[in-house]
Amino acid sequence: NEAAVDHLTKAAELGFVEAHFKLAFFYEKGLGVEEDEKKALYHYEEAAIGGHCDARYAVVFHEMQNDMSERAIKHLIIAANLGHDHSIKVLKMFYSGGRISKDQFASTLRAYQAAVDATKSPQREAAAKIMAAEGTS
């Protein structure tokens, strides 16, 4: 694990977003490194800035734990705008609970749908069918 952390650290220093995400997880769980919430959050934020939707979603939980719900909502909206499924589901609950406005939810839902539509292609659909038939989806 130490070698993996070293390689990921070098990759993160070079700006590889996925390396930041993996390092964040390692620091969050104490895998191959000492558990360190500050370093985990740093790497999640770096990955989120780089466009990693799952990292942005992870930042939401750190924001909520620190009573920063407005920031958490902004992160959810950004992730949903990029097509992140879990973020739009959480925002739907927030809308139902009155934590975001109808206009905020509607505009985010439109952006979410546009992002999802942009990822659709006949090739992806064919690959999904093959993976489903093989049981690897």
Protein backbone atom coordinates (compact mmCIF):
# COMPACT_ATOMS: atom_id res chain seq x y z
CA ASN A 1 0.00 0.00 0.00
CA GLU A 2 2.89 2.37 0.69
CA ALA A 3 4.09 2.10 -2.92
CA ALA A 4 0.57 2.77 -4.16
CA VAL A 5 0.32 5.87 -1.99
CA ASP A 6 3.68 7.09 -3.29
CA HIS A 7 2.61 6.62 -6.91
CA LEU A 8 -0.76 8.24 -6.31
CA THR A 9 0.88 11.17 -4.54
CA LYS A 10 3.19 11.75 -7.52
CA ALA A 11 0.26 11.46 -9.92
CA ALA A 12 -1.78 13.92 -7.83
CA GLU A 13 1.14 16.37 -7.83
CA LEU A 14 1.05 16.16 -11.64
CA GLY A 15 -2.66 17.03 -11.55
CA PHE A 16 -4.21 13.61 -12.15
CA VAL A 17 -7.71 14.02 -10.75
CA GLU A 18 -8.38 10.31 -10.15
CA ALA A 19 -5.21 10.13 -8.02
CA HIS A 20 -6.55 12.89 -5.76
CA PHE A 21 -9.82 10.97 -5.42
CA LYS A 22 -8.08 7.71 -4.51
CA LEU A 23 -5.74 9.45 -2.05
CA ALA A 24 -8.73 11.09 -0.39
CA PHE A 25 -10.30 7.69 0.11
CA PHE A 26 -7.04 6.25 1.49
CA TYR A 27 -6.70 9.11 3.99
CA GLU A 28 -10.37 8.92 4.92
CA LYS A 29 -10.18 5.18 5.66
CA GLY A 30 -6.55 4.96 6.82
CA LEU A 31 -5.54 2.61 4.00
CA GLY A 32 -1.75 2.54 3.72
CA VAL A 33 -1.56 5.91 5.48
CA GLU A 34 -2.55 7.28 8.84
CA GLU A 35 -6.18 8.34 8.85
CA ASP A 36 -6.30 12.11 8.28
CA GLU A 37 -9.59 13.90 7.66
CA LYS A 38 -7.92 17.17 6.63
CA LYS A 39 -5.80 15.46 3.97
CA ALA A 40 -8.83 13.47 2.81
CA LEU A 41 -10.87 16.63 2.41
CA TYR A 42 -7.99 18.39 0.62
CA HIS A 43 -7.73 15.61 -1.95
CA TYR A 44 -11.51 15.35 -2.35
CA GLU A 45 -11.65 19.11 -2.98
CA GLU A 46 -8.79 18.95 -5.50
CA ALA A 47 -10.51 16.11 -7.34
CA ALA A 48 -13.82 18.00 -7.24
CA ILE A 49 -12.19 21.12 -8.69
CA GLY A 50 -10.85 18.88 -11.44
CA GLY A 51 -14.38 17.75 -12.31
CA HIS A 52 -14.63 14.47 -10.39
CA CYS A 53 -18.34 14.14 -9.53
CA ASP A 54 -17.91 11.43 -6.89
CA ALA A 55 -15.31 13.58 -5.14
CA ARG A 56 -17.66 16.55 -5.15
CA TYR A 57 -20.35 14.31 -3.69
CA ALA A 58 -17.92 13.22 -0.95
CA VAL A 59 -17.25 16.90 -0.13
CA VAL A 60 -20.99 17.29 0.48
CA PHE A 61 -20.79 14.99 3.49
CA HIS A 62 -17.87 16.92 4.97
CA GLU A 63 -19.81 20.16 4.51
CA MET A 64 -22.94 18.71 6.11
CA GLN A 65 -20.96 17.41 9.11
CA ASN A 66 -19.64 20.93 9.64
CA ASP A 67 -23.07 22.60 9.41
CA MET A 68 -22.27 24.16 6.04
CA SER A 69 -25.46 23.10 4.29
CA GLU A 70 -25.48 26.01 1.83
CA ARG A 71 -22.03 24.98 0.56
CA ALA A 72 -23.17 21.35 0.46
CA ILE A 73 -26.15 22.33 -1.68
CA LYS A 74 -23.87 24.22 -4.08
CA HIS A 75 -21.67 21.13 -4.42
CA LEU A 76 -24.73 18.98 -5.04
CA ILE A 77 -25.98 21.35 -7.73
CA ILE A 78 -22.60 21.36 -9.49
CA ALA A 79 -22.38 17.55 -9.39
CA ALA A 80 -25.97 17.17 -10.60
CA ASN A 81 -25.28 19.63 -13.42
CA LEU A 82 -22.54 17.22 -14.50
CA GLY A 83 -24.96 14.28 -14.51
CA HIS A 84 -24.26 12.76 -11.07
CA ASP A 85 -27.24 10.53 -10.19
CA HIS A 86 -26.91 10.53 -6.40
CA SER A 87 -26.65 14.32 -6.28
CA ILE A 88 -29.91 14.86 -8.13
CA LYS A 89 -31.62 12.37 -5.82
CA VAL A 90 -30.39 14.18 -2.71
CA LEU A 91 -31.43 17.53 -4.21
CA LYS A 92 -34.88 16.09 -4.85
CA MET A 93 -35.13 15.26 -1.14
CA PHE A 94 -33.90 18.76 -0.28
CA TYR A 95 -36.53 20.24 -2.58
CA SER A 96 -39.24 18.09 -1.01
CA GLY A 97 -38.07 19.28 2.41
CA GLY A 98 -38.09 22.93 1.35
CA ARG A 99 -34.30 23.38 1.51
CA ILE A 100 -34.01 24.52 -2.12
CA SER A 101 -36.46 26.45 -4.25
CA LYS A 102 -38.57 25.11 -7.08
CA ASP A 103 -36.59 27.25 -9.54
CA GLN A 104 -33.25 25.95 -8.24
CA PHE A 105 -34.39 22.36 -8.51
CA ALA A 106 -35.98 22.82 -11.94
CA SER A 107 -32.91 24.46 -13.46
CA THR A 108 -30.64 21.83 -11.92
CA LEU A 109 -32.88 19.04 -13.18
CA ARG A 110 -32.73 20.48 -16.72
CA ALA A 111 -28.93 20.70 -16.57
CA TYR A 112 -28.72 17.18 -15.15
CA GLN A 113 -30.88 15.81 -17.96
CA ALA A 114 -28.81 17.63 -20.58
CA ALA A 115 -25.61 16.15 -19.12
CA VAL A 116 -27.10 12.65 -19.09
CA ASP A 117 -28.38 13.04 -22.66
CA ALA A 118 -24.93 14.21 -23.79
CA THR A 119 -23.42 10.91 -22.65
CA LYS A 120 -25.84 8.75 -24.63
CA SER A 121 -24.72 7.12 -27.85
CA PRO A 122 -25.55 3.94 -29.76
CA GLN A 123 -22.09 2.59 -28.89
CA ARG A 124 -22.58 3.12 -25.16
CA GLU A 125 -26.03 1.55 -25.27
CA ALA A 126 -24.64 -1.49 -27.14
CA ALA A 127 -21.82 -1.81 -24.59
CA ALA A 128 -24.31 -1.57 -21.72
CA LYS A 129 -26.38 -4.40 -23.24
CA ILE A 130 -23.29 -6.59 -23.59
CA MET A 131 -22.21 -5.88 -20.02
CA ALA A 132 -25.72 -6.59 -18.73
CA ALA A 133 -25.81 -9.90 -20.63
CA GLU A 134 -22.43 -10.85 -19.14
CA GLY A 135 -23.52 -9.74 -15.69
CA THR A 136 -20.72 -7.14 -15.37
CA SER A 137 -22.78 -3.96 -15.19
